[in-house]
Amino acid sequence: MTKADIIEQIYEKIGFSKKESSEIVELVFDTMKETLEKGEKIKISGFGNFVVRAKRPRIGRNPQTGEEIEISARRVLTFRPSQVLKQALNKAEVTA
């Protein structure tokens, strides 16, 4: 599913114009992005949690040459689905 698909779903189900639907989707994504950039967690009840984690620098290995290289410190985004979402996914898997 793409951002355009989400906009289309809002347009069809709620009846907002495509422009309004696009603005809503952009606003939601911008708000989520700004929150995550600040390092804050996003918890969406019934869906899951988005959390930014800091990873320390570590030594890795180039698989082609075997040479050791340093992998720099960075922040990564993780998503943990809620129990409700996990159950919905597993229910869908059983019926498929």
PDB file of N, CA and C in Angstrom:
ATOM      1  N   MET A   1       0.845  -1.176   0.000  1.00  0.00           N
ATOM      2  CA  MET A   1       0.000   0.000   0.000  1.00  0.00           C
ATOM      3  C   MET A   1       0.891   1.241   0.000  1.00  0.00           C
ATOM      4  N   THR A   2       0.542   2.191  -0.809  1.00  0.00           N
ATOM      5  CA  THR A   2       1.311   3.426  -0.917  1.00  0.00           C
ATOM      6  C   THR A   2       0.550   4.576  -0.259  1.00  0.00           C
ATOM      7  N   LYS A   3       1.221   5.715  -0.151  1.00  0.00           N
ATOM      8  CA  LYS A   3       0.567   6.908   0.390  1.00  0.00           C
ATOM      9  C   LYS A   3      -0.640   7.278  -0.469  1.00  0.00           C
ATOM     10  N   ALA A   4      -0.512   7.131  -1.775  1.00  0.00           N
ATOM     11  CA  ALA A   4      -1.625   7.428  -2.684  1.00  0.00           C
ATOM     12  C   ALA A   4      -2.810   6.497  -2.415  1.00  0.00           C
ATOM     13  N   ASP A   5      -2.531   5.237  -2.090  1.00  0.00           N
ATOM     14  CA  ASP A   5      -3.605   4.292  -1.757  1.00  0.00           C
ATOM     15  C   ASP A   5      -4.328   4.711  -0.482  1.00  0.00           C
ATOM     16  N   ILE A   6      -3.573   5.183   0.507  1.00  0.00           N
ATOM     17  CA  ILE A   6      -4.174   5.643   1.761  1.00  0.00           C
ATOM     18  C   ILE A   6      -5.072   6.845   1.493  1.00  0.00           C
ATOM     19  N   ILE A   7      -4.583   7.780   0.697  1.00  0.00           N
ATOM     20  CA  ILE A   7      -5.376   8.967   0.332  1.00  0.00           C
ATOM     21  C   ILE A   7      -6.661   8.540  -0.372  1.00  0.00           C
ATOM     22  N   GLU A   8      -6.554   7.599  -1.280  1.00  0.00           N
ATOM     23  CA  GLU A   8      -7.718   7.099  -2.022  1.00  0.00           C
ATOM     24  C   GLU A   8      -8.738   6.457  -1.071  1.00  0.00           C
ATOM     25  N   GLN A   9      -8.254   5.673  -0.093  1.00  0.00           N
ATOM     26  CA  GLN A   9      -9.147   5.033   0.875  1.00  0.00           C
ATOM     27  C   GLN A   9      -9.914   6.074   1.696  1.00  0.00           C
ATOM     28  N   ILE A  10      -9.208   7.115   2.135  1.00  0.00           N
ATOM     29  CA  ILE A  10      -9.863   8.184   2.904  1.00  0.00           C
ATOM     30  C   ILE A  10     -10.899   8.896   2.038  1.00  0.00           C
ATOM     31  N   TYR A  11     -10.528   9.162   0.794  1.00  0.00           N
ATOM     32  CA  TYR A  11     -11.443   9.809  -0.151  1.00  0.00           C
ATOM     33  C   TYR A  11     -12.720   8.986  -0.320  1.00  0.00           C
ATOM     34  N   GLU A  12     -12.566   7.675  -0.500  1.00  0.00           N
ATOM     35  CA  GLU A  12     -13.724   6.803  -0.747  1.00  0.00           C
ATOM     36  C   GLU A  12     -14.570   6.569   0.501  1.00  0.00           C
ATOM     37  N   LYS A  13     -13.924   6.346   1.637  1.00  0.00           N
ATOM     38  CA  LYS A  13     -14.664   5.952   2.845  1.00  0.00           C
ATOM     39  C   LYS A  13     -15.241   7.126   3.623  1.00  0.00           C
ATOM     40  N   ILE A  14     -14.550   8.254   3.644  1.00  0.00           N
ATOM     41  CA  ILE A  14     -15.008   9.379   4.458  1.00  0.00           C
ATOM     42  C   ILE A  14     -15.698  10.431   3.613  1.00  0.00           C
ATOM     43  N   GLY A  15     -15.276  10.555   2.359  1.00  0.00           N
ATOM     44  CA  GLY A  15     -15.941  11.502   1.489  1.00  0.00           C
ATOM     45  C   GLY A  15     -15.279  12.865   1.399  1.00  0.00           C
ATOM     46  N   PHE A  16     -14.095  13.004   2.038  1.00  0.00           N
ATOM     47  CA  PHE A  16     -13.353  14.250   1.854  1.00  0.00           C
ATOM     48  C   PHE A  16     -12.897  14.320   0.406  1.00  0.00           C
ATOM     49  N   SER A  17     -12.600  15.523  -0.062  1.00  0.00           N
ATOM     50  CA  SER A  17     -12.048  15.645  -1.411  1.00  0.00           C
ATOM     51  C   SER A  17     -10.655  15.020  -1.412  1.00  0.00           C
ATOM     52  N   LYS A  18     -10.147  14.742  -2.598  1.00  0.00           N
ATOM     53  CA  LYS A  18      -8.806  14.155  -2.679  1.00  0.00           C
ATOM     54  C   LYS A  18      -7.753  15.112  -2.119  1.00  0.00           C
ATOM     55  N   LYS A  19      -7.954  16.407  -2.335  1.00  0.00           N
ATOM     56  CA  LYS A  19      -7.016  17.396  -1.809  1.00  0.00           C
ATOM     57  C   LYS A  19      -7.031  17.388  -0.285  1.00  0.00           C
ATOM     58  N   GLU A  20      -8.234  17.362   0.305  1.00  0.00           N
ATOM     59  CA  GLU A  20      -8.348  17.315   1.770  1.00  0.00           C
ATOM     60  C   GLU A  20      -7.768  16.012   2.318  1.00  0.00           C
ATOM     61  N   SER A  21      -8.052  14.908   1.654  1.00  0.00           N
ATOM     62  CA  SER A  21      -7.521  13.612   2.078  1.00  0.00           C
ATOM     63  C   SER A  21      -6.003  13.612   2.043  1.00  0.00           C
ATOM     64  N   SER A  22      -5.442  14.201   0.993  1.00  0.00           N
ATOM     65  CA  SER A  22      -3.990  14.293   0.851  1.00  0.00           C
ATOM     66  C   SER A  22      -3.390  15.137   1.973  1.00  0.00           C
ATOM     67  N   GLU A  23      -4.041  16.261   2.283  1.00  0.00           N
ATOM     68  CA  GLU A  23      -3.553  17.142   3.344  1.00  0.00           C
ATOM     69  C   GLU A  23      -3.574  16.442   4.697  1.00  0.00           C
ATOM     70  N   ILE A  24      -4.617  15.664   4.965  1.00  0.00           N
ATOM     71  CA  ILE A  24      -4.724  14.933   6.228  1.00  0.00           C
ATOM     72  C   ILE A  24      -3.600  13.912   6.345  1.00  0.00           C
ATOM     73  N   VAL A  25      -3.405  13.131   5.292  1.00  0.00           N
ATOM     74  CA  VAL A  25      -2.357  12.106   5.309  1.00  0.00           C
ATOM     75  C   VAL A  25      -0.985  12.758   5.483  1.00  0.00           C
ATOM     76  N   GLU A  26      -0.717  13.831   4.756  1.00  0.00           N
ATOM     77  CA  GLU A  26       0.567  14.528   4.879  1.00  0.00           C
ATOM     78  C   GLU A  26       0.766  15.063   6.292  1.00  0.00           C
ATOM     79  N   LEU A  27      -0.287  15.619   6.885  1.00  0.00           N
ATOM     80  CA  LEU A  27      -0.205  16.156   8.243  1.00  0.00           C
ATOM     81  C   LEU A  27       0.103  15.055   9.254  1.00  0.00           C
ATOM     82  N   VAL A  28      -0.559  13.912   9.121  1.00  0.00           N
ATOM     83  CA  VAL A  28      -0.307  12.789  10.030  1.00  0.00           C
ATOM     84  C   VAL A  28       1.137  12.318   9.901  1.00  0.00           C
ATOM     85  N   PHE A  29       1.608  12.123   8.678  1.00  0.00           N
ATOM     86  CA  PHE A  29       2.978  11.644   8.477  1.00  0.00           C
ATOM     87  C   PHE A  29       4.005  12.677   8.940  1.00  0.00           C
ATOM     88  N   ASP A  30       3.760  13.954   8.674  1.00  0.00           N
ATOM     89  CA  ASP A  30       4.684  14.996   9.129  1.00  0.00           C
ATOM     90  C   ASP A  30       4.757  15.033  10.653  1.00  0.00           C
ATOM     91  N   THR A  31       3.600  14.908  11.301  1.00  0.00           N
ATOM     92  CA  THR A  31       3.564  14.904  12.766  1.00  0.00           C
ATOM     93  C   THR A  31       4.333  13.703  13.315  1.00  0.00           C
ATOM     94  N   MET A  32       4.134  12.538  12.713  1.00  0.00           N
ATOM     95  CA  MET A  32       4.853  11.337  13.155  1.00  0.00           C
ATOM     96  C   MET A  32       6.356  11.506  12.953  1.00  0.00           C
ATOM     97  N   LYS A  33       6.740  12.029  11.807  1.00  0.00           N
ATOM     98  CA  LYS A  33       8.157  12.226  11.499  1.00  0.00           C
ATOM     99  C   LYS A  33       8.803  13.183  12.498  1.00  0.00           C
ATOM    100  N   GLU A  34       8.150  14.309  12.772  1.00  0.00           N
ATOM    101  CA  GLU A  34       8.694  15.290  13.718  1.00  0.00           C
ATOM    102  C   GLU A  34       8.836  14.695  15.115  1.00  0.00           C
ATOM    103  N   THR A  35       7.844  13.918  15.532  1.00  0.00           N
ATOM    104  CA  THR A  35       7.881  13.281  16.850  1.00  0.00           C
ATOM    105  C   THR A  35       9.041  12.303  16.943  1.00  0.00           C
ATOM    106  N   LEU A  36       9.219  11.486  15.916  1.00  0.00           N
ATOM    107  CA  LEU A  36      10.305  10.502  15.912  1.00  0.00           C
ATOM    108  C   LEU A  36      11.674  11.174  15.827  1.00  0.00           C
ATOM    109  N   GLU A  37      11.781  12.275  15.071  1.00  0.00           N
ATOM    110  CA  GLU A  37      13.050  13.005  14.977  1.00  0.00           C
ATOM    111  C   GLU A  37      13.492  13.520  16.335  1.00  0.00           C
ATOM    112  N   LYS A  38      12.518  13.859  17.204  1.00  0.00           N
ATOM    113  CA  LYS A  38      12.829  14.325  18.555  1.00  0.00           C
ATOM    114  C   LYS A  38      13.211  13.167  19.477  1.00  0.00           C
ATOM    115  N   GLY A  39      13.078  11.937  18.988  1.00  0.00           N
ATOM    116  CA  GLY A  39      13.404  10.769  19.793  1.00  0.00           C
ATOM    117  C   GLY A  39      12.252  10.297  20.661  1.00  0.00           C
ATOM    118  N   GLU A  40      11.071  10.833  20.427  1.00  0.00           N
ATOM    119  CA  GLU A  40       9.907  10.444  21.220  1.00  0.00           C
ATOM    120  C   GLU A  40       9.244   9.208  20.623  1.00  0.00           C
ATOM    121  N   LYS A  41       8.541   8.473  21.464  1.00  0.00           N
ATOM    122  CA  LYS A  41       7.850   7.252  21.058  1.00  0.00           C
ATOM    123  C   LYS A  41       6.447   7.601  20.569  1.00  0.00           C
ATOM    124  N   ILE A  42       5.955   6.841  19.599  1.00  0.00           N
ATOM    125  CA  ILE A  42       4.581   6.991  19.123  1.00  0.00           C
ATOM    126  C   ILE A  42       3.844   5.705  19.456  1.00  0.00           C
ATOM    127  N   LYS A  43       2.765   5.841  20.211  1.00  0.00           N
ATOM    128  CA  LYS A  43       1.954   4.685  20.587  1.00  0.00           C
ATOM    129  C   LYS A  43       0.563   4.868  20.002  1.00  0.00           C
ATOM    130  N   ILE A  44       0.177   3.961  19.117  1.00  0.00           N
ATOM    131  CA  ILE A  44      -1.139   4.005  18.492  1.00  0.00           C
ATOM    132  C   ILE A  44      -1.926   2.805  19.019  1.00  0.00           C
ATOM    133  N   SER A  45      -2.893   3.079  19.861  1.00  0.00           N
ATOM    134  CA  SER A  45      -3.675   2.025  20.504  1.00  0.00           C
ATOM    135  C   SER A  45      -4.308   1.114  19.459  1.00  0.00           C
ATOM    136  N   GLY A  46      -4.166  -0.178  19.664  1.00  0.00           N
ATOM    137  CA  GLY A  46      -4.735  -1.159  18.742  1.00  0.00           C
ATOM    138  C   GLY A  46      -3.891  -1.385  17.506  1.00  0.00           C
ATOM    139  N   PHE A  47      -2.777  -0.676  17.374  1.00  0.00           N
ATOM    140  CA  PHE A  47      -1.909  -0.827  16.202  1.00  0.00           C
ATOM    141  C   PHE A  47      -0.492  -1.194  16.614  1.00  0.00           C
ATOM    142  N   GLY A  48       0.163  -0.333  17.413  1.00  0.00           N
ATOM    143  CA  GLY A  48       1.502  -0.657  17.872  1.00  0.00           C
ATOM    144  C   GLY A  48       2.295   0.567  18.265  1.00  0.00           C
ATOM    145  N   ASN A  49       3.588   0.349  18.534  1.00  0.00           N
ATOM    146  CA  ASN A  49       4.492   1.409  18.979  1.00  0.00           C
ATOM    147  C   ASN A  49       5.637   1.592  17.991  1.00  0.00           C
ATOM    148  N   PHE A  50       5.946   2.843  17.712  1.00  0.00           N
ATOM    149  CA  PHE A  50       7.129   3.199  16.940  1.00  0.00           C
ATOM    150  C   PHE A  50       8.124   3.786  17.934  1.00  0.00           C
ATOM    151  N   VAL A  51       9.335   3.243  17.963  1.00  0.00           N
ATOM    152  CA  VAL A  51      10.344   3.691  18.927  1.00  0.00           C
ATOM    153  C   VAL A  51      11.665   3.913  18.195  1.00  0.00           C
ATOM    154  N   VAL A  52      12.333   5.033  18.517  1.00  0.00           N
ATOM    155  CA  VAL A  52      13.666   5.305  17.980  1.00  0.00           C
ATOM    156  C   VAL A  52      14.676   4.794  19.002  1.00  0.00           C
ATOM    157  N   ARG A  53      15.593   3.938  18.540  1.00  0.00           N
ATOM    158  CA  ARG A  53      16.632   3.385  19.414  1.00  0.00           C
ATOM    159  C   ARG A  53      17.993   3.854  18.930  1.00  0.00           C
ATOM    160  N   ALA A  54      18.887   4.093  19.878  1.00  0.00           N
ATOM    161  CA  ALA A  54      20.262   4.470  19.540  1.00  0.00           C
ATOM    162  C   ALA A  54      21.105   3.205  19.499  1.00  0.00           C
ATOM    163  N   LYS A  55      21.874   3.043  18.439  1.00  0.00           N
ATOM    164  CA  LYS A  55      22.791   1.908  18.329  1.00  0.00           C
ATOM    165  C   LYS A  55      24.216   2.437  18.459  1.00  0.00           C
ATOM    166  N   ARG A  56      25.011   1.757  19.245  1.00  0.00           N
ATOM    167  CA  ARG A  56      26.404   2.155  19.436  1.00  0.00           C
ATOM    168  C   ARG A  56      27.231   1.754  18.219  1.00  0.00           C
ATOM    169  N   PRO A  57      28.383   2.380  18.049  1.00  0.00           N
ATOM    170  CA  PRO A  57      29.256   1.952  16.954  1.00  0.00           C
ATOM    171  C   PRO A  57      29.755   0.532  17.241  1.00  0.00           C
ATOM    172  N   ARG A  58      30.016  -0.218  16.181  1.00  0.00           N
ATOM    173  CA  ARG A  58      30.498  -1.590  16.360  1.00  0.00           C
ATOM    174  C   ARG A  58      31.388  -1.982  15.195  1.00  0.00           C
ATOM    175  N   ILE A  59      32.078  -3.058  15.380  1.00  0.00           N
ATOM    176  CA  ILE A  59      32.956  -3.561  14.332  1.00  0.00           C
ATOM    177  C   ILE A  59      32.174  -4.570  13.496  1.00  0.00           C
ATOM    178  N   GLY A  60      32.208  -4.374  12.195  1.00  0.00           N
ATOM    179  CA  GLY A  60      31.570  -5.286  11.260  1.00  0.00           C
ATOM    180  C   GLY A  60      32.628  -5.832  10.314  1.00  0.00           C
ATOM    181  N   ARG A  61      32.203  -6.619   9.366  1.00  0.00           N
ATOM    182  CA  ARG A  61      33.134  -7.230   8.428  1.00  0.00           C
ATOM    183  C   ARG A  61      32.587  -7.107   7.016  1.00  0.00           C
ATOM    184  N   ASN A  62      33.438  -6.692   6.087  1.00  0.00           N
ATOM    185  CA  ASN A  62      33.068  -6.645   4.681  1.00  0.00           C
ATOM    186  C   ASN A  62      32.972  -8.091   4.193  1.00  0.00           C
ATOM    187  N   PRO A  63      31.806  -8.537   3.748  1.00  0.00           N
ATOM    188  CA  PRO A  63      31.661  -9.945   3.364  1.00  0.00           C
ATOM    189  C   PRO A  63      32.488 -10.335   2.132  1.00  0.00           C
ATOM    190  N   GLN A  64      32.832  -9.370   1.282  1.00  0.00           N
ATOM    191  CA  GLN A  64      33.601  -9.686   0.079  1.00  0.00           C
ATOM    192  C   GLN A  64      35.090  -9.856   0.371  1.00  0.00           C
ATOM    193  N   THR A  65      35.610  -8.981   1.246  1.00  0.00           N
ATOM    194  CA  THR A  65      37.051  -9.005   1.502  1.00  0.00           C
ATOM    195  C   THR A  65      37.411  -9.582   2.861  1.00  0.00           C
ATOM    196  N   GLY A  66      36.447  -9.640   3.764  1.00  0.00           N
ATOM    197  CA  GLY A  66      36.737 -10.103   5.121  1.00  0.00           C
ATOM    198  C   GLY A  66      37.364  -9.021   5.987  1.00  0.00           C
ATOM    199  N   GLU A  67      37.557  -7.841   5.426  1.00  0.00           N
ATOM    200  CA  GLU A  67      38.179  -6.733   6.145  1.00  0.00           C
ATOM    201  C   GLU A  67      37.235  -6.191   7.220  1.00  0.00           C
ATOM    202  N   GLU A  68      37.800  -5.907   8.398  1.00  0.00           N
ATOM    203  CA  GLU A  68      37.003  -5.334   9.478  1.00  0.00           C
ATOM    204  C   GLU A  68      36.774  -3.851   9.203  1.00  0.00           C
ATOM    205  N   ILE A  69      35.559  -3.403   9.446  1.00  0.00           N
ATOM    206  CA  ILE A  69      35.224  -1.990   9.286  1.00  0.00           C
ATOM    207  C   ILE A  69      34.394  -1.557  10.483  1.00  0.00           C
ATOM    208  N   GLU A  70      34.433  -0.257  10.795  1.00  0.00           N
ATOM    209  CA  GLU A  70      33.611   0.241  11.889  1.00  0.00           C
ATOM    210  C   GLU A  70      32.268   0.688  11.339  1.00  0.00           C
ATOM    211  N   ILE A  71      31.214   0.178  11.961  1.00  0.00           N
ATOM    212  CA  ILE A  71      29.863   0.603  11.623  1.00  0.00           C
ATOM    213  C   ILE A  71      29.521   1.724  12.602  1.00  0.00           C
ATOM    214  N   SER A  72      29.228   2.897  12.070  1.00  0.00           N
ATOM    215  CA  SER A  72      29.049   4.082  12.907  1.00  0.00           C
ATOM    216  C   SER A  72      27.787   4.000  13.770  1.00  0.00           C
ATOM    217  N   ALA A  73      27.781   4.793  14.825  1.00  0.00           N
ATOM    218  CA  ALA A  73      26.609   4.896  15.693  1.00  0.00           C
ATOM    219  C   ALA A  73      25.477   5.522  14.884  1.00  0.00           C
ATOM    220  N   ARG A  74      24.275   5.094  15.173  1.00  0.00           N
ATOM    221  CA  ARG A  74      23.129   5.636  14.441  1.00  0.00           C
ATOM    222  C   ARG A  74      21.864   5.391  15.239  1.00  0.00           C
ATOM    223  N   ARG A  75      20.797   6.025  14.783  1.00  0.00           N
ATOM    224  CA  ARG A  75      19.490   5.802  15.386  1.00  0.00           C
ATOM    225  C   ARG A  75      18.666   4.967  14.409  1.00  0.00           C
ATOM    226  N   VAL A  76      17.933   4.006  14.943  1.00  0.00           N
ATOM    227  CA  VAL A  76      17.092   3.151  14.107  1.00  0.00           C
ATOM    228  C   VAL A  76      15.659   3.206  14.604  1.00  0.00           C
ATOM    229  N   LEU A  77      14.734   3.034  13.698  1.00  0.00           N
ATOM    230  CA  LEU A  77      13.319   3.037  14.027  1.00  0.00           C
ATOM    231  C   LEU A  77      12.843   1.600  14.131  1.00  0.00           C
ATOM    232  N   THR A  78      12.167   1.282  15.229  1.00  0.00           N
ATOM    233  CA  THR A  78      11.601  -0.050  15.389  1.00  0.00           C
ATOM    234  C   THR A  78      10.089   0.075  15.547  1.00  0.00           C
ATOM    235  N   PHE A  79       9.405  -0.967  15.137  1.00  0.00           N
ATOM    236  CA  PHE A  79       7.949  -1.019  15.289  1.00  0.00           C
ATOM    237  C   PHE A  79       7.600  -2.307  16.012  1.00  0.00           C
ATOM    238  N   ARG A  80       6.795  -2.183  17.045  1.00  0.00           N
ATOM    239  CA  ARG A  80       6.313  -3.348  17.771  1.00  0.00           C
ATOM    240  C   ARG A  80       4.796  -3.352  17.669  1.00  0.00           C
ATOM    241  N   PRO A  81       4.234  -4.346  17.001  1.00  0.00           N
ATOM    242  CA  PRO A  81       2.776  -4.388  16.849  1.00  0.00           C
ATOM    243  C   PRO A  81       2.087  -4.666  18.174  1.00  0.00           C
ATOM    244  N   SER A  82       0.867  -4.145  18.311  1.00  0.00           N
ATOM    245  CA  SER A  82       0.071  -4.403  19.514  1.00  0.00           C
ATOM    246  C   SER A  82      -0.471  -5.827  19.455  1.00  0.00           C
ATOM    247  N   GLN A  83      -0.967  -6.306  20.587  1.00  0.00           N
ATOM    248  CA  GLN A  83      -1.577  -7.638  20.640  1.00  0.00           C
ATOM    249  C   GLN A  83      -2.776  -7.711  19.703  1.00  0.00           C
ATOM    250  N   VAL A  84      -3.542  -6.631  19.621  1.00  0.00           N
ATOM    251  CA  VAL A  84      -4.718  -6.595  18.746  1.00  0.00           C
ATOM    252  C   VAL A  84      -4.303  -6.816  17.294  1.00  0.00           C
ATOM    253  N   LEU A  85      -3.243  -6.129  16.852  1.00  0.00           N
ATOM    254  CA  LEU A  85      -2.757  -6.284  15.482  1.00  0.00           C
ATOM    255  C   LEU A  85      -2.194  -7.683  15.260  1.00  0.00           C
ATOM    256  N   LYS A  86      -1.436  -8.199  16.221  1.00  0.00           N
ATOM    257  CA  LYS A  86      -0.887  -9.560  16.101  1.00  0.00           C
ATOM    258  C   LYS A  86      -2.006 -10.582  15.940  1.00  0.00           C
ATOM    259  N   GLN A  87      -3.047 -10.447  16.757  1.00  0.00           N
ATOM    260  CA  GLN A  87      -4.172 -11.388  16.677  1.00  0.00           C
ATOM    261  C   GLN A  87      -4.878 -11.278  15.332  1.00  0.00           C
ATOM    262  N   ALA A  88      -5.054 -10.048  14.838  1.00  0.00           N
ATOM    263  CA  ALA A  88      -5.708  -9.848  13.540  1.00  0.00           C
ATOM    264  C   ALA A  88      -4.882 -10.475  12.414  1.00  0.00           C
ATOM    265  N   LEU A  89      -3.556 -10.317  12.494  1.00  0.00           N
ATOM    266  CA  LEU A  89      -2.687 -10.894  11.467  1.00  0.00           C
ATOM    267  C   LEU A  89      -2.727 -12.415  11.503  1.00  0.00           C
ATOM    268  N   ASN A  90      -2.704 -12.981  12.693  1.00  0.00           N
ATOM    269  CA  ASN A  90      -2.727 -14.434  12.822  1.00  0.00           C
ATOM    270  C   ASN A  90      -4.080 -15.012  12.445  1.00  0.00           C
ATOM    271  N   LYS A  91      -5.148 -14.278  12.725  1.00  0.00           N
ATOM    272  CA  LYS A  91      -6.494 -14.721  12.320  1.00  0.00           C
ATOM    273  C   LYS A  91      -6.594 -14.740  10.805  1.00  0.00           C
ATOM    274  N   ALA A  92      -6.060 -13.703  10.150  1.00  0.00           N
ATOM    275  CA  ALA A  92      -6.077 -13.616   8.685  1.00  0.00           C
ATOM    276  C   ALA A  92      -5.257 -14.737   8.069  1.00  0.00           C
ATOM    277  N   GLU A  93      -4.165 -15.109   8.739  1.00  0.00           N
ATOM    278  CA  GLU A  93      -3.279 -16.168   8.230  1.00  0.00           C
ATOM    279  C   GLU A  93      -3.968 -17.513   8.264  1.00  0.00           C
ATOM    280  N   VAL A  94      -4.768 -17.773   9.302  1.00  0.00           N
ATOM    281  CA  VAL A  94      -5.458 -19.052   9.465  1.00  0.00           C
ATOM    282  C   VAL A  94      -6.541 -19.215   8.406  1.00  0.00           C
ATOM    283  N   THR A  95      -7.253 -18.137   8.084  1.00  0.00           N
ATOM    284  CA  THR A  95      -8.355 -18.222   7.113  1.00  0.00           C
ATOM    285  C   THR A  95      -7.866 -18.208   5.669  1.00  0.00           C
ATOM    286  N   ALA A  96      -6.621 -17.805   5.449  1.00  0.00           N
ATOM    287  CA  ALA A  96      -6.105 -17.722   4.076  1.00  0.00           C
ATOM    288  C   ALA A  96      -5.732 -19.067   3.515  1.00  0.00           C
TER     289      ALA A  96
END
